Amino acid sequence: MAERSLSRRGRTVPRELEGAVNQSEESRSTLIWIAAEPWDTTNFARPQQIPRLLARRGWSVDYAVPQPSLLRRIRRKGREDWRDPCHELEPGIRVHYLSAPFPGGHRSPLARRLNSMTARRGMARLLSPPSTPLPLIVVNSPALLEFWPPEAPVIYDCHDAITTFDWATEAYSAIEQRLFREARATVFSAQPLMDRYGALCRRPVLIRNGCHPEDFSIENRNAELPEDLARIPEPRVGFYGLLGPWLDYELIRTVAARLPTVQWVMIGRAEVPPEVLPQATNIHYLGRKPYARLVDYLRGFRVSILPFLNNRLTEAVNPVKVYEYLAAGCPVVSTQMPELEELGRTGLIEVRGNSESFAGAVDTIIRSTPEPAAASRRIAFAREQSWSRRADQYDVLIREVLGGE
């Protein structure tokens, strides 16, 4: 076990991290990114991609995460972020854990007040010693409003229609309304989100999701497929991502029955009851895979799919996966989503409105000869949608907000 020591504020930290903690306590960060999601490289998405790239552009970034409840901490024991209040990940970016011991803060006013009291103490330490002006704060969930010192400038990164989730209460919606009104700028990840809420904001800005095209290039990868995928015969049609209630499982069940010789590969952690997941001899669930391995699975897909339901939540989504699929040059078939309509019109992907036409589009691609020119066009488009370009947009916005424009 690593030798441990006390920081000057009495917190126990590993001795090898003591310098990072002292640095965070003795210098003020330029940017504090308060996120609902832990820094988890197995699911490296927007909340991690943009602050990481901002740090590489010279910003000093503190990524602050509410400390999980005691029960969740016990479940996560063994992970290196379980106990330690600060990690320096790489030059310019550190992860901090803020105490929020009472779960359900967005549902319970009492839990929200108690979390706010403990979180503000953590924020005070993060902002110590005090300085003028205060650093800019970015929050990516209304539930994190209690972590925001009212005197600090804030940007709200709105990347989901959060209030359409089943658990979102009226009180939670009211918190988001306040955040729309008070944030210096609200960044939306999709045009429908901005259309829905932009009029409520002081400064609405559209910065869509993106990808790291180089992470999904299949040109220089090992030709050997992952063992669990290689056992599944061709042709394979695949999806990866969280298997949540926003997917159209009835569509998956129907198209798998319509195309029984096609193998349907579903990769990701299931967040729906087992009985919801369609079962058939040609449907395969491979579980969650690390981000770095996704491209190896994409190489084995003849077609990638986006089988989303059409509802208030999904109509406001700009799916990261479409950029990653295209970066691999893989043909894509999707259900109808406003953010993908233009890609369908330009022929970059196939967009279909029902299970019959969805199955027909998949079947047509499988029966056709792969076209290198079409794959190159997909890859070229994805390169224009990089996280690096999105971070450039964020960089400009932050400078304008801090400059008072």
Protein backbone atom coordinates (compact mmCIF):
# COMPACT_ATOMS: atom_id res chain seq x y z
CA MET A 1 0.00 0.00 0.00
CA ALA A 2 1.26 3.46 -0.87
CA GLU A 3 2.53 5.52 2.06
CA ARG A 4 0.01 8.17 3.02
CA SER A 5 0.36 11.60 4.59
CA LEU A 6 -1.83 14.46 5.77
CA SER A 7 -2.24 17.51 3.57
CA ARG A 8 -2.10 20.87 5.28
CA ARG A 9 -5.92 20.86 5.50
CA GLY A 10 -5.94 17.57 7.37
CA ARG A 11 -7.07 15.35 4.49
CA THR A 12 -5.39 11.99 4.10
CA VAL A 13 -3.91 11.55 0.63
CA PRO A 14 -1.31 9.30 -0.97
CA ARG A 15 2.15 10.83 -0.59
CA GLU A 16 2.71 10.66 -4.35
CA LEU A 17 -0.39 12.86 -4.87
CA GLU A 18 0.46 15.36 -2.16
CA GLY A 19 2.00 17.78 -4.65
CA ALA A 20 -1.16 17.77 -6.77
CA VAL A 21 -3.32 18.50 -3.73
CA ASN A 22 -1.04 21.28 -2.56
CA GLN A 23 -1.05 22.77 -6.04
CA SER A 24 -4.85 22.80 -6.12
CA GLU A 25 -4.99 24.44 -2.69
CA GLU A 26 -2.32 27.04 -3.28
CA SER A 27 -3.27 28.25 -6.74
CA ARG A 28 -6.56 29.31 -8.24
CA SER A 29 -7.75 27.41 -11.31
CA THR A 30 -8.93 29.33 -14.34
CA LEU A 31 -11.78 26.95 -15.11
CA ILE A 32 -13.82 24.67 -12.85
CA TRP A 33 -15.86 22.01 -14.63
CA ILE A 34 -18.51 20.62 -12.26
CA ALA A 35 -19.74 17.32 -13.70
CA ALA A 36 -22.30 14.73 -12.71
CA GLU A 37 -20.15 11.97 -14.23
CA PRO A 38 -16.92 10.64 -12.69
CA TRP A 39 -13.78 10.81 -14.76
CA ASP A 40 -14.15 7.39 -16.36
CA THR A 41 -12.03 6.59 -19.38
CA THR A 42 -14.12 3.50 -20.22
CA ASN A 43 -16.90 5.88 -21.26
CA PHE A 44 -15.01 8.93 -22.44
CA ALA A 45 -17.72 11.32 -23.59
CA ARG A 46 -18.49 15.05 -23.80
CA PRO A 47 -18.09 15.81 -20.05
CA GLN A 48 -14.51 14.54 -20.18
CA GLN A 49 -13.50 15.29 -23.77
CA ILE A 50 -14.01 19.05 -23.77
CA PRO A 51 -12.32 19.92 -20.44
CA ARG A 52 -9.40 17.67 -21.31
CA LEU A 53 -8.88 19.45 -24.63
CA LEU A 54 -9.30 22.86 -22.99
CA ALA A 55 -6.49 21.91 -20.60
CA ARG A 56 -4.32 21.12 -23.60
CA ARG A 57 -5.08 24.61 -24.90
CA GLY A 58 -3.54 26.19 -21.84
CA TRP A 59 -6.48 26.40 -19.43
CA SER A 60 -5.99 25.24 -15.86
CA VAL A 61 -8.97 22.94 -15.34
CA ASP A 62 -10.34 21.52 -12.11
CA TYR A 63 -12.86 18.75 -12.84
CA ALA A 64 -15.09 18.62 -9.76
CA VAL A 65 -17.38 15.66 -9.12
CA PRO A 66 -19.92 15.22 -6.29
CA GLN A 67 -18.65 12.56 -3.90
CA PRO A 68 -20.94 9.51 -4.10
CA SER A 69 -23.00 8.31 -1.18
CA LEU A 70 -21.41 5.90 1.30
CA LEU A 71 -23.16 2.88 -0.25
CA ARG A 72 -21.94 3.74 -3.75
CA ARG A 73 -18.44 4.37 -2.41
CA ILE A 74 -18.42 0.87 -0.88
CA ARG A 75 -19.54 -0.59 -4.21
CA ARG A 76 -16.74 1.26 -6.00
CA LYS A 77 -14.06 0.24 -3.50
CA GLY A 78 -10.91 -0.80 -5.28
CA ARG A 79 -11.04 1.97 -7.86
CA GLU A 80 -8.29 4.51 -7.34
CA ASP A 81 -10.76 7.42 -7.19
CA TRP A 82 -12.67 5.92 -4.26
CA ARG A 83 -10.85 7.71 -1.44
CA ASP A 84 -8.56 10.36 -2.79
CA PRO A 85 -9.90 13.94 -2.98
CA CYS A 86 -7.60 15.02 -5.81
CA HIS A 87 -5.91 13.46 -8.82
CA GLU A 88 -3.68 15.27 -11.24
CA LEU A 89 -4.52 13.45 -14.46
CA GLU A 90 -2.13 15.24 -16.78
CA PRO A 91 -0.65 18.73 -17.00
CA GLY A 92 -3.40 21.30 -16.63
CA ILE A 93 -6.24 19.10 -15.38
CA ARG A 94 -7.08 17.75 -11.93
CA VAL A 95 -10.06 15.80 -10.60
CA HIS A 96 -11.59 16.77 -7.24
CA TYR A 97 -14.34 15.04 -5.26
CA LEU A 98 -16.88 17.27 -3.53
CA SER A 99 -18.85 15.90 -0.62
CA ALA A 100 -22.54 15.34 -1.42
CA PRO A 101 -23.42 12.52 0.96
CA PHE A 102 -27.21 12.63 0.62
CA PRO A 103 -28.63 10.94 -2.50
CA GLY A 104 -31.70 12.27 -4.30
CA GLY A 105 -30.80 15.93 -3.98
CA HIS A 106 -32.81 16.80 -7.09
CA ARG A 107 -35.92 15.23 -5.51
CA SER A 108 -35.65 16.25 -1.85
CA PRO A 109 -35.33 19.91 -0.78
CA LEU A 110 -33.81 18.80 2.54
CA ALA A 111 -31.18 16.60 0.85
CA ARG A 112 -30.44 19.43 -1.57
CA ARG A 113 -29.85 21.90 1.29
CA LEU A 114 -27.62 19.47 3.19
CA ASN A 115 -25.64 18.61 0.05
CA SER A 116 -25.31 22.31 -0.70
CA MET A 117 -23.83 23.00 2.74
CA THR A 118 -21.18 20.30 2.45
CA ALA A 119 -20.49 20.98 -1.22
CA ARG A 120 -19.93 24.68 -0.64
CA ARG A 121 -17.26 23.84 1.91
CA GLY A 122 -15.54 21.75 -0.75
CA MET A 123 -15.87 24.54 -3.30
CA ALA A 124 -14.48 27.02 -0.78
CA ARG A 125 -11.38 24.85 -0.43
CA LEU A 126 -11.11 24.58 -4.20
CA LEU A 127 -11.37 28.38 -4.53
CA SER A 128 -8.88 29.02 -1.72
CA PRO A 129 -7.10 31.37 -1.49
CA PRO A 130 -9.80 33.75 -2.76
CA SER A 131 -8.94 35.84 -5.77
CA THR A 132 -10.49 38.32 -8.15
CA PRO A 133 -11.94 37.61 -10.58
CA LEU A 134 -13.37 34.22 -9.64
CA PRO A 135 -12.72 31.37 -12.09
CA LEU A 136 -15.35 30.49 -14.66
CA ILE A 137 -17.51 27.51 -13.70
CA VAL A 138 -19.12 25.09 -16.15
CA VAL A 139 -21.92 22.83 -14.90
CA ASN A 140 -23.47 20.05 -16.96
CA SER A 141 -26.53 19.21 -14.87
CA PRO A 142 -29.15 21.30 -13.03
CA ALA A 143 -28.64 19.06 -10.00
CA LEU A 144 -25.20 20.63 -9.62
CA LEU A 145 -26.53 24.15 -9.07
CA GLU A 146 -25.87 23.92 -5.33
CA PHE A 147 -22.16 23.50 -6.07
CA TRP A 148 -22.00 26.86 -7.84
CA PRO A 149 -20.89 29.91 -5.82
CA PRO A 150 -23.49 32.55 -6.84
CA GLU A 151 -20.84 35.22 -7.33
CA ALA A 152 -18.89 33.18 -9.91
CA PRO A 153 -19.60 33.36 -13.67
CA VAL A 154 -21.13 30.13 -14.98
CA ILE A 155 -21.77 28.36 -18.28
CA TYR A 156 -24.41 25.64 -18.42
CA ASP A 157 -23.51 22.77 -20.77
CA CYS A 158 -26.94 21.37 -21.67
CA HIS A 159 -26.38 18.13 -23.58
CA ASP A 160 -29.63 16.28 -22.80
CA ALA A 161 -33.30 17.09 -22.38
CA ILE A 162 -32.82 16.13 -18.75
CA THR A 163 -36.27 17.16 -17.56
CA THR A 164 -37.86 14.57 -19.87
CA PHE A 165 -36.40 11.71 -17.80
CA ASP A 166 -38.92 9.88 -15.62
CA TRP A 167 -37.13 10.86 -12.40
CA ALA A 168 -37.10 14.62 -13.14
CA THR A 169 -39.53 16.36 -10.77
CA GLU A 170 -41.12 19.80 -11.09
CA ALA A 171 -38.60 21.08 -8.55
CA TYR A 172 -35.79 19.79 -10.75
CA SER A 173 -37.29 21.54 -13.78
CA ALA A 174 -37.45 24.76 -11.76
CA ILE A 175 -33.74 24.45 -10.96
CA GLU A 176 -32.94 24.13 -14.66
CA GLN A 177 -35.11 27.16 -15.45
CA ARG A 178 -33.08 29.17 -12.96
CA LEU A 179 -29.86 27.92 -14.52
CA PHE A 180 -31.05 28.99 -17.97
CA ARG A 181 -31.79 32.48 -16.63
CA GLU A 182 -28.64 33.02 -14.59
CA ALA A 183 -25.87 31.36 -16.60
CA ARG A 184 -23.72 33.75 -18.62
CA ALA A 185 -24.15 31.35 -21.54
CA THR A 186 -25.95 28.05 -22.14
CA VAL A 187 -24.28 25.64 -24.54
CA PHE A 188 -26.64 23.22 -26.29
CA SER A 189 -25.42 20.02 -27.93
CA ALA A 190 -28.33 19.83 -30.40
CA GLN A 191 -30.40 22.31 -32.40
CA PRO A 192 -33.74 20.95 -31.09
CA LEU A 193 -32.52 21.54 -27.53
CA MET A 194 -31.67 25.14 -28.37
CA ASP A 195 -34.99 25.60 -30.19
CA ARG A 196 -36.81 24.32 -27.10
CA TYR A 197 -34.99 26.31 -24.41
CA GLY A 198 -32.89 28.98 -26.10
CA ALA A 199 -35.41 31.79 -25.55
CA LEU A 200 -35.05 31.28 -21.78
CA CYS A 201 -31.29 31.86 -21.84
CA ARG A 202 -29.13 34.95 -21.63
CA ARG A 203 -26.89 33.63 -24.38
CA PRO A 204 -27.72 30.36 -26.17
CA VAL A 205 -24.85 28.75 -28.09
CA LEU A 206 -24.84 25.59 -30.23
CA ILE A 207 -21.79 23.31 -29.84
CA ARG A 208 -22.63 19.82 -31.01
CA ASN A 209 -21.02 16.58 -29.91
CA GLY A 210 -18.06 15.17 -31.79
CA CYS A 211 -15.52 12.38 -31.87
CA HIS A 212 -11.82 11.68 -32.01
CA PRO A 213 -11.62 10.46 -35.62
CA GLU A 214 -8.16 8.99 -35.09
CA ASP A 215 -9.51 6.73 -32.33
CA PHE A 216 -11.88 5.10 -34.83
CA SER A 217 -9.62 4.74 -37.84
CA ILE A 218 -9.65 1.09 -38.85
CA GLU A 219 -6.81 1.43 -41.36
CA ASN A 220 -3.96 0.78 -38.93
CA ARG A 221 -5.65 -1.65 -36.56
CA ASN A 222 -4.77 -5.28 -35.98
CA ALA A 223 -6.72 -7.42 -38.45
CA GLU A 224 -7.71 -9.87 -35.72
CA LEU A 225 -11.19 -9.29 -34.31
CA PRO A 226 -11.98 -9.53 -30.58
CA GLU A 227 -12.56 -13.16 -29.66
CA ASP A 228 -16.20 -12.77 -28.59
CA LEU A 229 -17.05 -11.00 -31.85
CA ALA A 230 -15.07 -13.39 -34.05
CA ARG A 231 -17.20 -16.28 -32.76
CA ILE A 232 -20.30 -14.64 -34.25
CA PRO A 233 -20.73 -15.42 -37.96
CA GLU A 234 -21.07 -12.75 -40.63
CA PRO A 235 -22.86 -10.63 -41.65
CA ARG A 236 -22.90 -8.64 -38.42
CA VAL A 237 -24.93 -5.53 -37.66
CA GLY A 238 -23.88 -3.73 -34.51
CA PHE A 239 -24.72 -1.14 -31.88
CA TYR A 240 -22.67 0.02 -28.92
CA GLY A 241 -23.70 2.30 -26.09
CA LEU A 242 -25.81 2.25 -22.97
CA LEU A 243 -28.77 -0.10 -23.38
CA GLY A 244 -31.25 2.31 -21.84
CA PRO A 245 -34.99 2.95 -22.09
CA TRP A 246 -34.45 5.27 -25.08
CA LEU A 247 -33.72 2.37 -27.44
CA ASP A 248 -36.47 0.81 -29.55
CA TYR A 249 -36.28 -2.82 -28.45
CA GLU A 250 -39.42 -3.76 -30.34
CA LEU A 251 -37.78 -2.54 -33.55
CA ILE A 252 -34.67 -4.61 -32.77
CA ARG A 253 -36.83 -7.67 -32.13
CA THR A 254 -38.75 -7.16 -35.38
CA VAL A 255 -35.81 -6.50 -37.70
CA ALA A 256 -33.89 -9.46 -36.24
CA ALA A 257 -36.88 -11.67 -37.08
CA ARG A 258 -37.14 -10.18 -40.59
CA LEU A 259 -33.45 -10.82 -41.27
CA PRO A 260 -32.75 -14.13 -39.48
CA THR A 261 -29.41 -14.76 -41.23
CA VAL A 262 -28.05 -11.41 -40.05
CA GLN A 263 -26.34 -11.35 -36.64
CA TRP A 264 -27.31 -8.40 -34.41
CA VAL A 265 -24.56 -7.46 -31.95
CA MET A 266 -25.42 -5.25 -28.96
CA ILE A 267 -22.51 -3.87 -26.93
CA GLY A 268 -23.01 -1.98 -23.68
CA ARG A 269 -24.29 -2.13 -20.14
CA ALA A 270 -28.03 -2.80 -19.83
CA GLU A 271 -30.05 -0.32 -17.78
CA VAL A 272 -33.41 -1.90 -18.49
CA PRO A 273 -34.90 -5.07 -16.95
CA PRO A 274 -33.68 -8.29 -18.60
CA GLU A 275 -37.15 -9.08 -19.90
CA VAL A 276 -37.11 -5.88 -21.98
CA LEU A 277 -34.11 -7.03 -24.02
CA PRO A 278 -35.23 -8.99 -27.11
CA GLN A 279 -33.95 -12.55 -27.22
CA ALA A 280 -33.24 -14.53 -30.39
CA THR A 281 -30.55 -16.85 -31.72
CA ASN A 282 -29.25 -14.03 -33.94
CA ILE A 283 -29.16 -11.32 -31.22
CA HIS A 284 -25.95 -11.23 -29.17
CA TYR A 285 -25.24 -9.17 -26.03
CA LEU A 286 -21.52 -8.73 -25.43
CA GLY A 287 -21.60 -6.38 -22.43
CA ARG A 288 -19.69 -3.17 -21.88
CA LYS A 289 -16.36 -2.62 -23.65
CA PRO A 290 -13.62 -0.06 -22.97
CA TYR A 291 -13.61 2.99 -25.19
CA ALA A 292 -10.23 2.03 -26.67
CA ARG A 293 -11.61 -1.31 -27.90
CA LEU A 294 -14.74 -0.02 -29.63
CA VAL A 295 -12.97 0.46 -32.95
CA ASP A 296 -11.97 -3.22 -32.92
CA TYR A 297 -15.64 -4.16 -32.75
CA LEU A 298 -16.61 -1.61 -35.39
CA ARG A 299 -14.22 -3.33 -37.81
CA GLY A 300 -16.38 -6.43 -37.58
CA PHE A 301 -19.69 -4.67 -38.31
CA ARG A 302 -21.01 -4.61 -41.86
CA VAL A 303 -23.59 -2.06 -40.71
CA SER A 304 -23.84 0.08 -37.57
CA ILE A 305 -27.26 1.04 -36.23
CA LEU A 306 -28.89 3.75 -34.14
CA PRO A 307 -32.21 2.16 -33.07
CA PHE A 308 -33.62 5.00 -30.95
CA LEU A 309 -37.21 5.55 -29.98
CA ASN A 310 -38.85 8.71 -31.27
CA ASN A 311 -39.84 10.74 -28.19
CA ARG A 312 -39.21 14.03 -26.36
CA LEU A 313 -35.87 12.81 -25.05
CA THR A 314 -34.37 11.39 -28.24
CA GLU A 315 -35.59 14.18 -30.51
CA ALA A 316 -33.17 16.48 -28.67
CA VAL A 317 -30.15 14.15 -28.91
CA ASN A 318 -27.06 14.66 -31.01
CA PRO A 319 -25.66 11.10 -30.88
CA VAL A 320 -21.90 10.82 -30.43
CA LYS A 321 -22.02 7.34 -31.92
CA VAL A 322 -22.95 8.55 -35.39
CA TYR A 323 -19.66 10.44 -35.67
CA GLU A 324 -17.68 7.47 -34.36
CA TYR A 325 -19.41 5.05 -36.73
CA LEU A 326 -18.71 7.36 -39.67
CA ALA A 327 -15.09 7.88 -38.60
CA ALA A 328 -14.62 4.14 -39.08
CA GLY A 329 -16.15 4.41 -42.56
CA CYS A 330 -18.99 2.12 -41.50
CA PRO A 331 -22.44 2.37 -43.14
CA VAL A 332 -25.09 3.61 -40.68
CA VAL A 333 -28.83 2.96 -40.49
CA SER A 334 -30.79 5.05 -37.99
CA THR A 335 -34.32 5.64 -36.88
CA GLN A 336 -35.65 9.16 -37.39
CA MET A 337 -34.03 11.86 -35.24
CA PRO A 338 -34.06 15.60 -36.01
CA GLU A 339 -30.28 15.93 -35.63
CA LEU A 340 -29.71 13.20 -38.24
CA GLU A 341 -32.15 14.39 -40.91
CA GLU A 342 -29.50 16.35 -42.80
CA LEU A 343 -27.10 13.40 -42.76
CA GLY A 344 -29.87 11.29 -44.24
CA ARG A 345 -30.63 13.85 -46.96
CA THR A 346 -26.98 14.00 -48.00
CA GLY A 347 -26.67 10.21 -48.12
CA LEU A 348 -24.07 9.93 -45.36
CA ILE A 349 -26.40 7.64 -43.42
CA GLU A 350 -29.71 5.88 -44.02
CA VAL A 351 -32.63 7.18 -41.94
CA ARG A 352 -35.81 5.08 -41.74
CA GLY A 353 -39.13 5.58 -39.99
CA ASN A 354 -40.37 2.04 -39.32
CA SER A 355 -39.08 -1.48 -38.80
CA GLU A 356 -39.87 -2.65 -42.33
CA SER A 357 -37.91 0.12 -44.04
CA PHE A 358 -35.16 -0.12 -41.40
CA ALA A 359 -34.69 -3.83 -42.13
CA GLY A 360 -34.81 -3.09 -45.86
CA ALA A 361 -32.02 -0.52 -45.60
CA VAL A 362 -29.84 -2.94 -43.62
CA ASP A 363 -30.50 -5.73 -46.10
CA THR A 364 -29.67 -3.51 -49.08
CA ILE A 365 -26.30 -2.54 -47.59
CA ILE A 366 -25.42 -6.13 -46.74
CA ARG A 367 -26.26 -7.34 -50.25
CA SER A 368 -24.29 -4.56 -51.93
CA THR A 369 -20.56 -4.40 -52.56
CA PRO A 370 -18.74 -2.04 -50.15
CA GLU A 371 -17.83 1.22 -51.88
CA PRO A 372 -14.45 2.70 -50.88
CA ALA A 373 -15.52 6.14 -52.13
CA ALA A 374 -18.57 6.12 -49.85
CA ALA A 375 -16.44 5.05 -46.88
CA SER A 376 -13.94 7.84 -47.61
CA ARG A 377 -16.78 10.36 -47.68
CA ARG A 378 -18.01 9.20 -44.28
CA ILE A 379 -14.51 9.43 -42.82
CA ALA A 380 -13.95 12.91 -44.27
CA PHE A 381 -17.20 14.14 -42.71
CA ALA A 382 -16.30 12.70 -39.30
CA ARG A 383 -12.93 14.44 -39.37
CA GLU A 384 -14.76 17.75 -39.61
CA GLN A 385 -16.74 16.90 -36.45
CA SER A 386 -13.81 16.35 -34.10
CA TRP A 387 -13.85 17.06 -30.38
CA SER A 388 -10.87 19.28 -31.08
CA ARG A 389 -13.04 21.58 -33.21
CA ARG A 390 -15.73 21.59 -30.51
CA ALA A 391 -13.09 22.53 -27.92
CA ASP A 392 -11.99 25.40 -30.18
CA GLN A 393 -15.59 26.69 -30.12
CA TYR A 394 -15.68 26.37 -26.34
CA ASP A 395 -12.35 28.14 -26.03
CA VAL A 396 -13.68 31.15 -27.95
CA LEU A 397 -16.88 31.23 -25.88
CA ILE A 398 -15.05 31.07 -22.54
CA ARG A 399 -12.75 33.92 -23.53
CA GLU A 400 -15.75 36.02 -24.54
CA VAL A 401 -17.61 35.29 -21.29
CA LEU A 402 -14.56 36.10 -19.18
CA GLY A 403 -14.00 39.21 -21.26
CA GLY A 404 -17.52 40.40 -20.49
CA GLU A 405 -18.74 40.29 -24.08
